[in-house]
Amino acid sequence: MDSGTSLDRMVFFSDAVFAIALTLLALDLKLPTGLHAEELDDALVAALPQLLAYALSFLIIARTWMHHHADFEGILRFNTNLGRLNFALLFFIAMLPGPTSVLSEYGDDPTPWPSVLYAANIAAVYLTMASIWGYAKHAGLMDRETAARRYQKVLNARVAGASVFLVSIPAAFALNALTPFVWLLLVPVSWLTRRFSATE
């Protein structure tokens, strides 16, 4: 089987895993059964943490899929190590509905572990994406124009994103349920990374 066919099969398989992970996220969005009409408002308010955790995870998986798609427009060749790194990424993507469920269920409790588990999973996604990107360039699997134009900018963005979630892990032991506010740093950090990368 030639390299191009193997690459296409890997990308198609990855698309399926991303789609399944997005679908599994929605399975936790449910209200208690047998509610009376007057209980619905309180039930909807109580479900807000589930909805917010779902929205955050959906956004991260969707953005990761878009970046994965963009990456493989510039990665033109396949080898076994690239396939292994891609499976590592899919491992963390497929795992994400689990930590999302834990965060939505126990994120308000005075314990750091729901946030720690979630942040570790997201940091692993960013770092694995960075590893795929870095390996593809150094193994000569990447289009030369892509390597020259986009490599450092993309790598910087992924390392910066991972850093936000990694920093939040020790912070969670002090912040507990407030830890998700640390993740909002992703917005200015991403903006600063893009700005400084553009000037390089």
N, C-alpha and C. Protein backbone atom coordinates (compact mmCIF):
# COMPACT_ATOMS: atom_id res chain seq x y z
N MET A 1 0.86 -1.19 0.00
CA MET A 1 0.00 0.00 0.00
C MET A 1 0.89 1.24 0.00
N ASP A 2 0.62 2.21 -0.87
CA ASP A 2 1.48 3.38 -0.96
C ASP A 2 1.19 4.34 0.19
N SER A 3 2.15 5.29 0.37
CA SER A 3 2.08 6.22 1.50
C SER A 3 0.83 7.10 1.44
N GLY A 4 0.46 7.53 0.22
CA GLY A 4 -0.71 8.39 0.09
C GLY A 4 -1.99 7.71 0.50
N THR A 5 -2.15 6.44 0.12
CA THR A 5 -3.34 5.69 0.51
C THR A 5 -3.40 5.48 2.02
N SER A 6 -2.25 5.16 2.63
CA SER A 6 -2.20 4.98 4.09
C SER A 6 -2.55 6.27 4.81
N LEU A 7 -2.05 7.39 4.28
CA LEU A 7 -2.36 8.68 4.90
C LEU A 7 -3.85 8.98 4.82
N ASP A 8 -4.44 8.72 3.67
CA ASP A 8 -5.89 8.96 3.51
C ASP A 8 -6.70 8.09 4.46
N ARG A 9 -6.32 6.83 4.59
CA ARG A 9 -7.05 5.93 5.50
C ARG A 9 -6.94 6.42 6.94
N MET A 10 -5.76 6.89 7.33
CA MET A 10 -5.57 7.38 8.69
C MET A 10 -6.44 8.61 8.95
N VAL A 11 -6.49 9.52 7.98
CA VAL A 11 -7.29 10.74 8.14
C VAL A 11 -8.78 10.40 8.21
N PHE A 12 -9.24 9.50 7.34
CA PHE A 12 -10.66 9.11 7.36
C PHE A 12 -11.03 8.45 8.69
N PHE A 13 -10.15 7.58 9.17
CA PHE A 13 -10.39 6.92 10.45
C PHE A 13 -10.42 7.95 11.58
N SER A 14 -9.52 8.92 11.53
CA SER A 14 -9.48 9.97 12.54
C SER A 14 -10.78 10.78 12.54
N ASP A 15 -11.28 11.10 11.36
CA ASP A 15 -12.55 11.84 11.27
C ASP A 15 -13.67 11.09 11.99
N ALA A 16 -13.69 9.77 11.82
CA ALA A 16 -14.74 8.97 12.47
C ALA A 16 -14.62 9.02 13.99
N VAL A 17 -13.39 8.97 14.51
CA VAL A 17 -13.20 9.01 15.96
C VAL A 17 -13.61 10.38 16.52
N PHE A 18 -13.25 11.44 15.82
CA PHE A 18 -13.67 12.78 16.24
C PHE A 18 -15.20 12.86 16.29
N ALA A 19 -15.85 12.34 15.27
CA ALA A 19 -17.32 12.40 15.21
C ALA A 19 -17.96 11.61 16.35
N ILE A 20 -17.41 10.43 16.65
CA ILE A 20 -17.95 9.61 17.74
C ILE A 20 -17.75 10.32 19.08
N ALA A 21 -16.58 10.93 19.28
CA ALA A 21 -16.32 11.63 20.54
C ALA A 21 -17.30 12.79 20.74
N LEU A 22 -17.59 13.53 19.66
CA LEU A 22 -18.55 14.62 19.75
C LEU A 22 -19.94 14.10 20.11
N THR A 23 -20.30 12.96 19.53
CA THR A 23 -21.61 12.38 19.82
C THR A 23 -21.71 11.91 21.26
N LEU A 24 -20.65 11.28 21.78
CA LEU A 24 -20.67 10.77 23.15
C LEU A 24 -20.79 11.89 24.17
N LEU A 25 -20.27 13.07 23.84
CA LEU A 25 -20.39 14.18 24.77
C LEU A 25 -21.84 14.48 25.11
N ALA A 26 -22.71 14.37 24.10
CA ALA A 26 -24.11 14.77 24.28
C ALA A 26 -24.89 13.78 25.14
N LEU A 27 -24.36 12.59 25.38
CA LEU A 27 -25.12 11.58 26.13
C LEU A 27 -25.33 11.98 27.58
N ASP A 28 -24.48 12.88 28.11
CA ASP A 28 -24.63 13.31 29.50
C ASP A 28 -25.61 14.47 29.65
N LEU A 29 -26.09 15.01 28.54
CA LEU A 29 -27.02 16.14 28.62
C LEU A 29 -28.44 15.62 28.81
N LYS A 30 -28.80 15.41 30.04
CA LYS A 30 -30.13 14.88 30.32
C LYS A 30 -30.64 15.43 31.64
N LEU A 31 -31.96 15.56 31.73
CA LEU A 31 -32.61 16.01 32.96
C LEU A 31 -33.19 14.81 33.69
N PRO A 32 -33.39 14.92 34.99
CA PRO A 32 -34.05 13.82 35.72
C PRO A 32 -35.43 13.54 35.14
N THR A 33 -35.81 12.29 35.14
CA THR A 33 -37.13 11.93 34.61
C THR A 33 -38.22 12.19 35.66
N GLY A 34 -39.45 12.33 35.20
CA GLY A 34 -40.59 12.48 36.09
C GLY A 34 -40.71 13.83 36.75
N LEU A 35 -40.12 14.88 36.14
CA LEU A 35 -40.21 16.21 36.72
C LEU A 35 -41.61 16.79 36.54
N HIS A 36 -42.07 17.52 37.56
CA HIS A 36 -43.28 18.31 37.41
C HIS A 36 -42.93 19.64 36.75
N ALA A 37 -43.90 20.30 36.17
CA ALA A 37 -43.65 21.54 35.44
C ALA A 37 -42.97 22.59 36.31
N GLU A 38 -43.35 22.67 37.58
CA GLU A 38 -42.78 23.69 38.46
C GLU A 38 -41.33 23.37 38.86
N GLU A 39 -40.90 22.15 38.60
CA GLU A 39 -39.52 21.77 38.93
C GLU A 39 -38.57 21.97 37.77
N LEU A 40 -39.09 22.29 36.60
CA LEU A 40 -38.27 22.34 35.40
C LEU A 40 -37.23 23.45 35.47
N ASP A 41 -37.62 24.63 35.95
CA ASP A 41 -36.67 25.75 36.01
C ASP A 41 -35.45 25.40 36.85
N ASP A 42 -35.70 24.84 38.04
CA ASP A 42 -34.58 24.47 38.92
C ASP A 42 -33.72 23.38 38.29
N ALA A 43 -34.36 22.45 37.59
CA ALA A 43 -33.60 21.37 36.95
C ALA A 43 -32.71 21.91 35.84
N LEU A 44 -33.21 22.89 35.09
CA LEU A 44 -32.42 23.49 34.01
C LEU A 44 -31.22 24.26 34.57
N VAL A 45 -31.44 24.98 35.67
CA VAL A 45 -30.34 25.70 36.32
C VAL A 45 -29.29 24.70 36.83
N ALA A 46 -29.76 23.61 37.42
CA ALA A 46 -28.85 22.60 37.95
C ALA A 46 -28.06 21.93 36.83
N ALA A 47 -28.62 21.93 35.61
CA ALA A 47 -27.95 21.28 34.47
C ALA A 47 -26.93 22.19 33.78
N LEU A 48 -26.84 23.46 34.22
CA LEU A 48 -25.91 24.39 33.56
C LEU A 48 -24.45 23.90 33.58
N PRO A 49 -23.93 23.36 34.69
CA PRO A 49 -22.55 22.85 34.64
C PRO A 49 -22.35 21.78 33.57
N GLN A 50 -23.34 20.91 33.39
CA GLN A 50 -23.25 19.90 32.33
C GLN A 50 -23.19 20.56 30.96
N LEU A 51 -24.03 21.57 30.76
CA LEU A 51 -24.07 22.25 29.46
C LEU A 51 -22.77 22.98 29.19
N LEU A 52 -22.21 23.65 30.21
CA LEU A 52 -20.96 24.38 30.02
C LEU A 52 -19.78 23.44 29.74
N ALA A 53 -19.73 22.32 30.47
CA ALA A 53 -18.67 21.34 30.23
C ALA A 53 -18.80 20.75 28.83
N TYR A 54 -20.04 20.46 28.42
CA TYR A 54 -20.28 19.96 27.07
C TYR A 54 -19.82 20.98 26.03
N ALA A 55 -20.19 22.24 26.22
CA ALA A 55 -19.84 23.28 25.24
C ALA A 55 -18.32 23.43 25.13
N LEU A 56 -17.62 23.43 26.27
CA LEU A 56 -16.17 23.57 26.26
C LEU A 56 -15.52 22.40 25.53
N SER A 57 -15.93 21.18 25.86
CA SER A 57 -15.34 20.00 25.22
C SER A 57 -15.68 19.94 23.73
N PHE A 58 -16.92 20.31 23.38
CA PHE A 58 -17.30 20.33 21.97
C PHE A 58 -16.41 21.30 21.22
N LEU A 59 -16.19 22.49 21.79
CA LEU A 59 -15.34 23.49 21.13
C LEU A 59 -13.92 22.98 20.96
N ILE A 60 -13.38 22.35 21.99
CA ILE A 60 -12.00 21.86 21.91
C ILE A 60 -11.87 20.74 20.88
N ILE A 61 -12.81 19.79 20.88
CA ILE A 61 -12.74 18.70 19.90
C ILE A 61 -12.93 19.24 18.48
N ALA A 62 -13.88 20.17 18.31
CA ALA A 62 -14.12 20.73 16.98
C ALA A 62 -12.90 21.48 16.47
N ARG A 63 -12.29 22.30 17.34
CA ARG A 63 -11.09 23.04 16.92
C ARG A 63 -9.93 22.09 16.63
N THR A 64 -9.80 21.04 17.45
CA THR A 64 -8.73 20.07 17.20
C THR A 64 -8.94 19.38 15.86
N TRP A 65 -10.20 19.02 15.54
CA TRP A 65 -10.47 18.41 14.24
C TRP A 65 -10.11 19.36 13.10
N MET A 66 -10.46 20.65 13.24
CA MET A 66 -10.15 21.62 12.19
C MET A 66 -8.64 21.77 12.02
N HIS A 67 -7.91 21.80 13.13
CA HIS A 67 -6.46 21.89 13.04
C HIS A 67 -5.85 20.61 12.46
N HIS A 68 -6.40 19.48 12.85
CA HIS A 68 -5.95 18.19 12.30
C HIS A 68 -6.14 18.17 10.79
N HIS A 69 -7.31 18.65 10.34
CA HIS A 69 -7.60 18.72 8.91
C HIS A 69 -6.60 19.63 8.20
N ALA A 70 -6.33 20.80 8.79
CA ALA A 70 -5.39 21.75 8.18
C ALA A 70 -3.97 21.17 8.17
N ASP A 71 -3.59 20.47 9.25
CA ASP A 71 -2.26 19.86 9.30
C ASP A 71 -2.04 18.90 8.15
N PHE A 72 -3.04 18.07 7.89
CA PHE A 72 -2.85 17.01 6.90
C PHE A 72 -3.09 17.48 5.47
N GLU A 73 -3.30 18.79 5.31
CA GLU A 73 -3.19 19.37 3.97
C GLU A 73 -1.72 19.65 3.64
N GLY A 74 -0.89 19.81 4.70
CA GLY A 74 0.53 20.05 4.50
C GLY A 74 1.40 18.84 4.77
N ILE A 75 0.87 17.82 5.44
CA ILE A 75 1.60 16.57 5.66
C ILE A 75 1.23 15.62 4.52
N LEU A 76 2.20 15.32 3.69
CA LEU A 76 1.91 14.63 2.43
C LEU A 76 2.29 13.16 2.43
N ARG A 77 3.08 12.74 3.42
CA ARG A 77 3.55 11.36 3.42
C ARG A 77 3.27 10.71 4.77
N PHE A 78 3.17 9.40 4.75
CA PHE A 78 2.82 8.61 5.94
C PHE A 78 3.98 7.70 6.30
N ASN A 79 4.20 7.50 7.60
CA ASN A 79 5.03 6.39 8.05
C ASN A 79 4.45 5.85 9.37
N THR A 80 5.03 4.76 9.85
CA THR A 80 4.46 4.08 11.02
C THR A 80 4.46 4.96 12.26
N ASN A 81 5.54 5.71 12.47
CA ASN A 81 5.61 6.55 13.66
C ASN A 81 4.56 7.66 13.63
N LEU A 82 4.29 8.20 12.46
CA LEU A 82 3.22 9.19 12.34
C LEU A 82 1.88 8.57 12.72
N GLY A 83 1.66 7.35 12.25
CA GLY A 83 0.43 6.64 12.60
C GLY A 83 0.31 6.41 14.10
N ARG A 84 1.41 6.08 14.75
CA ARG A 84 1.38 5.85 16.20
C ARG A 84 1.06 7.14 16.95
N LEU A 85 1.67 8.24 16.53
CA LEU A 85 1.37 9.53 17.17
C LEU A 85 -0.09 9.92 16.95
N ASN A 86 -0.61 9.63 15.77
CA ASN A 86 -2.01 9.96 15.50
C ASN A 86 -2.94 9.12 16.37
N PHE A 87 -2.60 7.85 16.58
CA PHE A 87 -3.41 7.02 17.47
C PHE A 87 -3.35 7.54 18.92
N ALA A 88 -2.20 8.07 19.32
CA ALA A 88 -2.11 8.67 20.65
C ALA A 88 -3.07 9.85 20.78
N LEU A 89 -3.11 10.68 19.73
CA LEU A 89 -4.07 11.80 19.74
C LEU A 89 -5.50 11.28 19.84
N LEU A 90 -5.84 10.27 19.05
CA LEU A 90 -7.20 9.74 19.07
C LEU A 90 -7.53 9.11 20.42
N PHE A 91 -6.54 8.55 21.10
CA PHE A 91 -6.75 8.02 22.44
C PHE A 91 -7.26 9.11 23.38
N PHE A 92 -6.61 10.28 23.35
CA PHE A 92 -7.01 11.37 24.23
C PHE A 92 -8.31 12.02 23.79
N ILE A 93 -8.57 12.06 22.49
CA ILE A 93 -9.85 12.59 22.01
C ILE A 93 -10.99 11.67 22.44
N ALA A 94 -10.81 10.37 22.26
CA ALA A 94 -11.86 9.42 22.63
C ALA A 94 -12.08 9.38 24.14
N MET A 95 -11.05 9.69 24.91
CA MET A 95 -11.16 9.69 26.37
C MET A 95 -11.92 10.91 26.89
N LEU A 96 -11.94 12.01 26.15
CA LEU A 96 -12.43 13.28 26.67
C LEU A 96 -13.86 13.26 27.21
N PRO A 97 -14.81 12.51 26.62
CA PRO A 97 -16.15 12.48 27.24
C PRO A 97 -16.14 12.04 28.70
N GLY A 98 -15.19 11.19 29.09
CA GLY A 98 -15.12 10.75 30.49
C GLY A 98 -14.81 11.89 31.44
N PRO A 99 -13.66 12.59 31.29
CA PRO A 99 -13.37 13.74 32.15
C PRO A 99 -14.41 14.85 32.06
N THR A 100 -15.03 15.00 30.88
CA THR A 100 -16.09 16.00 30.75
C THR A 100 -17.26 15.65 31.66
N SER A 101 -17.63 14.38 31.71
CA SER A 101 -18.71 13.92 32.58
C SER A 101 -18.36 14.14 34.05
N VAL A 102 -17.13 13.82 34.43
CA VAL A 102 -16.69 14.01 35.81
C VAL A 102 -16.72 15.50 36.18
N LEU A 103 -16.24 16.35 35.26
CA LEU A 103 -16.23 17.79 35.53
C LEU A 103 -17.64 18.34 35.68
N SER A 104 -18.55 17.91 34.82
CA SER A 104 -19.92 18.42 34.89
C SER A 104 -20.64 17.93 36.15
N GLU A 105 -20.29 16.74 36.61
CA GLU A 105 -20.97 16.14 37.77
C GLU A 105 -20.39 16.63 39.10
N TYR A 106 -19.06 16.78 39.15
CA TYR A 106 -18.41 17.06 40.43
C TYR A 106 -17.59 18.35 40.43
N GLY A 107 -17.66 19.13 39.34
CA GLY A 107 -16.83 20.34 39.24
C GLY A 107 -17.12 21.38 40.29
N ASP A 108 -18.33 21.39 40.85
CA ASP A 108 -18.68 22.36 41.90
C ASP A 108 -18.24 21.91 43.29
N ASP A 109 -17.78 20.68 43.41
CA ASP A 109 -17.37 20.18 44.72
C ASP A 109 -16.02 20.76 45.12
N PRO A 110 -15.74 20.87 46.43
CA PRO A 110 -14.46 21.42 46.89
C PRO A 110 -13.33 20.39 46.77
N THR A 111 -13.05 19.99 45.57
CA THR A 111 -11.97 19.04 45.30
C THR A 111 -11.31 19.42 43.98
N PRO A 112 -10.00 19.28 43.86
CA PRO A 112 -9.33 19.66 42.61
C PRO A 112 -9.41 18.61 41.51
N TRP A 113 -9.77 17.38 41.85
CA TRP A 113 -9.55 16.27 40.92
C TRP A 113 -10.37 16.32 39.63
N PRO A 114 -11.61 16.78 39.62
CA PRO A 114 -12.30 16.89 38.33
C PRO A 114 -11.58 17.83 37.36
N SER A 115 -11.11 18.97 37.87
CA SER A 115 -10.38 19.92 37.02
C SER A 115 -9.01 19.39 36.62
N VAL A 116 -8.34 18.70 37.55
CA VAL A 116 -7.03 18.12 37.24
C VAL A 116 -7.15 17.10 36.12
N LEU A 117 -8.12 16.20 36.24
CA LEU A 117 -8.32 15.17 35.23
C LEU A 117 -8.63 15.79 33.87
N TYR A 118 -9.51 16.79 33.87
CA TYR A 118 -9.91 17.43 32.62
C TYR A 118 -8.73 18.18 32.00
N ALA A 119 -8.01 18.96 32.81
CA ALA A 119 -6.88 19.74 32.29
C ALA A 119 -5.78 18.84 31.76
N ALA A 120 -5.52 17.72 32.44
CA ALA A 120 -4.50 16.79 31.97
C ALA A 120 -4.87 16.21 30.61
N ASN A 121 -6.15 15.89 30.43
CA ASN A 121 -6.62 15.34 29.15
C ASN A 121 -6.44 16.36 28.02
N ILE A 122 -6.85 17.62 28.27
CA ILE A 122 -6.74 18.64 27.23
C ILE A 122 -5.28 18.97 26.94
N ALA A 123 -4.45 19.05 27.98
CA ALA A 123 -3.02 19.30 27.76
C ALA A 123 -2.41 18.20 26.90
N ALA A 124 -2.83 16.96 27.15
CA ALA A 124 -2.32 15.83 26.35
C ALA A 124 -2.74 15.97 24.89
N VAL A 125 -3.96 16.46 24.63
CA VAL A 125 -4.40 16.68 23.25
C VAL A 125 -3.50 17.70 22.57
N TYR A 126 -3.27 18.83 23.23
CA TYR A 126 -2.40 19.87 22.65
C TYR A 126 -0.99 19.36 22.41
N LEU A 127 -0.43 18.66 23.39
CA LEU A 127 0.95 18.18 23.26
C LEU A 127 1.09 17.12 22.18
N THR A 128 0.08 16.26 22.06
CA THR A 128 0.14 15.24 21.02
C THR A 128 0.01 15.87 19.63
N MET A 129 -0.86 16.87 19.50
CA MET A 129 -0.95 17.59 18.23
C MET A 129 0.39 18.26 17.89
N ALA A 130 1.04 18.83 18.91
CA ALA A 130 2.35 19.44 18.69
C ALA A 130 3.38 18.39 18.28
N SER A 131 3.30 17.21 18.87
CA SER A 131 4.24 16.13 18.54
C SER A 131 4.05 15.65 17.11
N ILE A 132 2.80 15.51 16.68
CA ILE A 132 2.53 15.11 15.29
C ILE A 132 3.12 16.13 14.33
N TRP A 133 2.88 17.40 14.62
CA TRP A 133 3.35 18.49 13.76
C TRP A 133 4.88 18.53 13.71
N GLY A 134 5.51 18.45 14.89
CA GLY A 134 6.97 18.48 14.93
C GLY A 134 7.60 17.27 14.26
N TYR A 135 7.03 16.09 14.50
CA TYR A 135 7.58 14.88 13.90
C TYR A 135 7.46 14.92 12.38
N ALA A 136 6.32 15.38 11.89
CA ALA A 136 6.10 15.42 10.44
C ALA A 136 7.15 16.28 9.74
N LYS A 137 7.51 17.40 10.37
CA LYS A 137 8.52 18.27 9.76
C LYS A 137 9.90 17.61 9.80
N HIS A 138 10.28 17.13 10.96
CA HIS A 138 11.64 16.62 11.11
C HIS A 138 11.85 15.27 10.41
N ALA A 139 10.75 14.55 10.15
CA ALA A 139 10.87 13.29 9.41
C ALA A 139 10.73 13.51 7.90
N GLY A 140 10.57 14.74 7.47
CA GLY A 140 10.46 15.03 6.04
C GLY A 140 9.14 14.62 5.43
N LEU A 141 8.08 14.58 6.25
CA LEU A 141 6.77 14.18 5.74
C LEU A 141 5.93 15.37 5.32
N MET A 142 6.42 16.56 5.60
CA MET A 142 5.66 17.78 5.41
C MET A 142 6.07 18.48 4.12
N ASP A 143 5.09 19.10 3.48
CA ASP A 143 5.34 19.94 2.31
C ASP A 143 6.32 21.06 2.69
N ARG A 144 7.29 21.35 1.84
CA ARG A 144 8.32 22.34 2.19
C ARG A 144 7.74 23.73 2.41
N GLU A 145 6.79 24.11 1.59
CA GLU A 145 6.19 25.44 1.75
C GLU A 145 5.46 25.55 3.08
N THR A 146 4.75 24.50 3.46
CA THR A 146 4.06 24.49 4.75
C THR A 146 5.05 24.58 5.90
N ALA A 147 6.14 23.83 5.78
CA ALA A 147 7.16 23.83 6.83
C ALA A 147 7.76 25.22 7.01
N ALA A 148 8.01 25.91 5.89
CA ALA A 148 8.62 27.23 5.97
C ALA A 148 7.64 28.29 6.47
N ARG A 149 6.38 28.18 6.06
CA ARG A 149 5.42 29.26 6.32
C ARG A 149 4.67 29.09 7.63
N ARG A 150 4.34 27.85 8.03
CA ARG A 150 3.41 27.66 9.13
C ARG A 150 3.99 26.92 10.33
N TYR A 151 5.12 26.26 10.16
CA TYR A 151 5.57 25.31 11.18
C TYR A 151 5.70 25.95 12.55
N GLN A 152 6.51 27.00 12.68
CA GLN A 152 6.79 27.56 14.00
C GLN A 152 5.56 28.19 14.62
N LYS A 153 4.76 28.85 13.81
CA LYS A 153 3.55 29.49 14.32
C LYS A 153 2.59 28.46 14.93
N VAL A 154 2.38 27.35 14.22
CA VAL A 154 1.47 26.30 14.70
C VAL A 154 2.04 25.64 15.95
N LEU A 155 3.33 25.35 15.93
CA LEU A 155 3.96 24.70 17.09
C LEU A 155 3.85 25.59 18.33
N ASN A 156 4.13 26.88 18.17
CA ASN A 156 4.05 27.81 19.31
C ASN A 156 2.65 27.83 19.90
N ALA A 157 1.63 27.84 19.03
CA ALA A 157 0.24 27.91 19.50
C ALA A 157 -0.12 26.67 20.31
N ARG A 158 0.36 25.51 19.88
CA ARG A 158 0.01 24.27 20.59
C ARG A 158 0.73 24.16 21.93
N VAL A 159 1.97 24.55 21.97
CA VAL A 159 2.71 24.53 23.23
C VAL A 159 2.10 25.53 24.21
N ALA A 160 1.71 26.71 23.70
CA ALA A 160 1.09 27.72 24.57
C ALA A 160 -0.24 27.22 25.12
N GLY A 161 -1.06 26.58 24.27
CA GLY A 161 -2.33 26.04 24.74
C GLY A 161 -2.14 24.98 25.80
N ALA A 162 -1.18 24.07 25.58
CA ALA A 162 -0.89 23.04 26.57
C ALA A 162 -0.44 23.66 27.88
N SER A 163 0.35 24.74 27.80
CA SER A 163 0.89 25.38 29.00
C SER A 163 -0.22 25.91 29.91
N VAL A 164 -1.27 26.49 29.30
CA VAL A 164 -2.38 27.01 30.10
C VAL A 164 -3.00 25.89 30.94
N PHE A 165 -3.25 24.74 30.32
CA PHE A 165 -3.88 23.64 31.05
C PHE A 165 -2.92 22.99 32.02
N LEU A 166 -1.64 22.92 31.68
CA LEU A 166 -0.67 22.34 32.62
C LEU A 166 -0.50 23.22 33.85
N VAL A 167 -0.48 24.55 33.67
CA VAL A 167 -0.38 25.46 34.80
C VAL A 167 -1.60 25.34 35.71
N SER A 168 -2.76 25.06 35.12
CA SER A 168 -3.98 24.97 35.92
C SER A 168 -4.01 23.73 36.81
N ILE A 169 -3.17 22.74 36.54
CA ILE A 169 -3.20 21.51 37.34
C ILE A 169 -2.73 21.77 38.77
N PRO A 170 -1.53 22.36 38.99
CA PRO A 170 -1.17 22.68 40.39
C PRO A 170 -2.07 23.77 40.97
N ALA A 171 -2.54 24.70 40.12
CA ALA A 171 -3.43 25.76 40.61
C ALA A 171 -4.73 25.19 41.14
N ALA A 172 -5.16 24.05 40.59
CA ALA A 172 -6.43 23.44 41.01
C ALA A 172 -6.44 23.07 42.48
N PHE A 173 -5.28 22.78 43.06
CA PHE A 173 -5.23 22.38 44.47
C PHE A 173 -5.48 23.57 45.40
N ALA A 174 -5.38 24.78 44.86
CA ALA A 174 -5.74 25.97 45.63
C ALA A 174 -7.11 26.51 45.23
N LEU A 175 -7.42 26.39 43.93
CA LEU A 175 -8.64 27.02 43.41
C LEU A 175 -9.86 26.10 43.44
N ASN A 176 -9.64 24.78 43.41
CA ASN A 176 -10.74 23.81 43.40
C ASN A 176 -11.75 24.12 42.29
N ALA A 177 -12.99 24.43 42.62
CA ALA A 177 -14.04 24.62 41.62
C ALA A 177 -13.84 25.86 40.76
N LEU A 178 -12.94 26.76 41.18
CA LEU A 178 -12.68 27.98 40.39
C LEU A 178 -11.63 27.76 39.31
N THR A 179 -11.06 26.58 39.25
CA THR A 179 -9.98 26.30 38.28
C THR A 179 -10.37 26.59 36.84
N PRO A 180 -11.60 26.29 36.39
CA PRO A 180 -11.92 26.59 34.98
C PRO A 180 -11.71 28.04 34.57
N PHE A 181 -11.71 28.98 35.54
CA PHE A 181 -11.44 30.37 35.19
C PHE A 181 -10.00 30.55 34.69
N VAL A 182 -9.09 29.69 35.14
CA VAL A 182 -7.71 29.74 34.64
C VAL A 182 -7.68 29.44 33.15
N TRP A 183 -8.58 28.56 32.72
CA TRP A 183 -8.58 28.16 31.32
C TRP A 183 -8.96 29.30 30.39
N LEU A 184 -9.59 30.35 30.94
CA LEU A 184 -9.91 31.52 30.13
C LEU A 184 -8.64 32.23 29.65
N LEU A 185 -7.51 31.96 30.31
CA LEU A 185 -6.24 32.52 29.85
C LEU A 185 -5.89 32.06 28.44
N LEU A 186 -6.55 30.98 27.99
CA LEU A 186 -6.30 30.48 26.65
C LEU A 186 -6.57 31.55 25.60
N VAL A 187 -7.54 32.42 25.85
CA VAL A 187 -7.90 33.45 24.86
C VAL A 187 -6.77 34.46 24.69
N PRO A 188 -6.29 35.14 25.76
CA PRO A 188 -5.18 36.08 25.54
C PRO A 188 -3.88 35.39 25.15
N VAL A 189 -3.63 34.20 25.69
CA VAL A 189 -2.39 33.49 25.34
C VAL A 189 -2.38 33.15 23.85
N SER A 190 -3.52 32.70 23.31
CA SER A 190 -3.60 32.39 21.89
C SER A 190 -3.39 33.64 21.05
N TRP A 191 -3.99 34.75 21.49
CA TRP A 191 -3.84 36.00 20.75
C TRP A 191 -2.39 36.47 20.75
N LEU A 192 -1.74 36.42 21.92
CA LEU A 192 -0.35 36.84 22.02
C LEU A 192 0.57 35.94 21.19
N THR A 193 0.29 34.65 21.21
CA THR A 193 1.11 33.71 20.44
C THR A 193 1.02 34.01 18.95
N ARG A 194 -0.22 34.25 18.46
CA ARG A 194 -0.39 34.58 17.05
C ARG A 194 0.32 35.88 16.70
N ARG A 195 0.23 36.88 17.58
CA ARG A 195 0.83 38.18 17.30
C ARG A 195 2.35 38.08 17.24
N PHE A 196 2.96 37.41 18.22
CA PHE A 196 4.41 37.34 18.23
C PHE A 196 4.93 36.41 17.14
N SER A 197 4.16 35.37 16.79
CA SER A 197 4.56 34.48 15.70
C SER A 197 4.56 35.21 14.38
N ALA A 198 3.62 36.14 14.22
CA ALA A 198 3.52 36.90 12.96
C ALA A 198 4.70 37.81 12.76
N THR A 199 5.38 38.21 13.87
CA THR A 199 6.51 39.13 13.74
C THR A 199 7.84 38.40 13.59
N GLU A 200 7.82 37.09 13.68
CA GLU A 200 9.09 36.33 13.57
C GLU A 200 9.55 36.24 12.13
